[in-house]
Amino acid sequence: MSKKPICSHLSALTEIHVAKEYLCEECVKTGGSWVHLRTCQTCGTTLCCDSSPNQHATKHSHASGHPVVVSSEPGERWLWCYIDEQMVTY
């Protein structure tokens, strides 16, 4: 069984942007809470995951067209492409 080729959004990355602070920028503004964090690989914004009540990272991707996030959780080393629904570890 062959592996699916890495999508163009993931393969185009030359560096990985990491969270500057461990918080969801939008939840802080609205007084919301988060479960896990994801950092956008286009603009570096860190937002909450789909397990969080407000799902800011997905909303950001859909509104901005920014396709890739990295998990900002300690010990997790993976990237997700919203457009191609593909995950890679690094």
Protein backbone atom coordinates (compact mmCIF):
# COMPACT_ATOMS: atom_id res chain seq x y z
CA MET A 1 0.00 0.00 0.00
CA SER A 2 1.51 3.34 -1.02
CA LYS A 3 1.35 6.46 1.08
CA LYS A 4 -0.67 9.44 -0.12
CA PRO A 5 1.64 12.21 -1.39
CA ILE A 6 1.97 15.23 0.89
CA CYS A 7 -0.32 18.03 -0.30
CA SER A 8 1.11 21.18 -1.86
CA HIS A 9 0.17 23.34 1.16
CA LEU A 10 2.17 21.18 3.55
CA SER A 11 5.08 20.58 1.19
CA ALA A 12 5.42 24.34 0.54
CA LEU A 13 6.31 25.06 4.18
CA THR A 14 9.94 26.04 4.71
CA GLU A 15 9.71 26.76 8.45
CA ILE A 16 7.27 26.06 11.26
CA HIS A 17 5.75 28.97 13.17
CA VAL A 18 5.27 28.16 16.85
CA ALA A 19 3.02 29.81 19.42
CA LYS A 20 4.46 32.99 20.92
CA GLU A 21 2.22 32.59 23.97
CA TYR A 22 0.16 29.63 25.15
CA LEU A 23 -3.29 31.17 24.70
CA CYS A 24 -6.06 31.57 22.13
CA GLU A 25 -5.94 35.19 21.01
CA GLU A 26 -9.70 35.29 20.23
CA CYS A 27 -10.79 33.51 23.43
CA VAL A 28 -8.79 36.03 25.46
CA LYS A 29 -10.66 38.89 23.71
CA THR A 30 -14.09 37.34 24.32
CA GLY A 31 -13.53 35.71 27.70
CA GLY A 32 -13.82 32.23 26.17
CA SER A 33 -11.95 29.06 27.05
CA TRP A 34 -9.98 26.56 25.00
CA VAL A 35 -8.97 22.90 25.11
CA HIS A 36 -5.97 22.79 22.76
CA LEU A 37 -4.19 25.33 20.59
CA ARG A 38 -3.16 25.48 16.93
CA THR A 39 -0.85 28.01 15.24
CA CYS A 40 -1.54 29.22 11.70
CA GLN A 41 1.43 28.63 9.43
CA THR A 42 0.58 31.59 7.18
CA CYS A 43 0.27 34.40 9.74
CA GLY A 44 1.42 32.87 13.05
CA THR A 45 -1.87 33.46 14.90
CA THR A 46 -2.51 30.96 17.71
CA LEU A 47 -6.14 29.93 18.19
CA CYS A 48 -8.23 27.16 19.78
CA CYS A 49 -8.91 23.74 18.24
CA ASP A 50 -12.14 22.05 17.16
CA SER A 51 -12.54 20.43 20.60
CA SER A 52 -12.80 23.95 22.06
CA PRO A 53 -16.21 25.67 22.29
CA ASN A 54 -15.43 28.40 19.74
CA GLN A 55 -13.21 26.50 17.25
CA HIS A 56 -11.32 29.69 16.37
CA ALA A 57 -8.51 27.99 14.39
CA THR A 58 -10.95 26.43 11.92
CA LYS A 59 -12.96 29.65 11.66
CA HIS A 60 -9.72 31.55 10.97
CA SER A 61 -8.73 29.11 8.23
CA HIS A 62 -12.11 29.32 6.50
CA ALA A 63 -12.31 33.13 6.73
CA SER A 64 -8.70 33.83 5.72
CA GLY A 65 -7.94 30.95 3.37
CA HIS A 66 -4.85 30.07 5.43
CA PRO A 67 -4.64 26.30 4.96
CA VAL A 68 -2.16 24.89 7.50
CA VAL A 69 -1.88 24.84 11.30
CA VAL A 70 0.58 23.21 13.65
CA SER A 71 -0.38 21.76 17.02
CA SER A 72 0.82 24.08 19.75
CA GLU A 73 0.46 21.42 22.41
CA PRO A 74 3.63 20.46 24.29
CA GLY A 75 5.01 17.19 22.94
CA GLU A 76 2.81 17.16 19.82
CA ARG A 77 4.60 17.51 16.47
CA TRP A 78 2.09 17.55 13.65
CA LEU A 79 0.68 19.82 10.97
CA TRP A 80 -2.85 19.82 9.54
CA CYS A 81 -4.04 21.11 6.14
CA TYR A 82 -7.68 22.18 6.29
CA ILE A 83 -8.07 22.27 2.50
CA ASP A 84 -6.74 18.77 1.81
CA GLU A 85 -7.65 17.33 5.23
CA GLN A 86 -4.17 15.92 5.58
CA MET A 87 -1.95 15.55 8.64
CA VAL A 88 1.80 15.05 8.74
CA THR A 89 4.11 14.58 11.70
CA TYR A 90 7.56 16.12 11.92
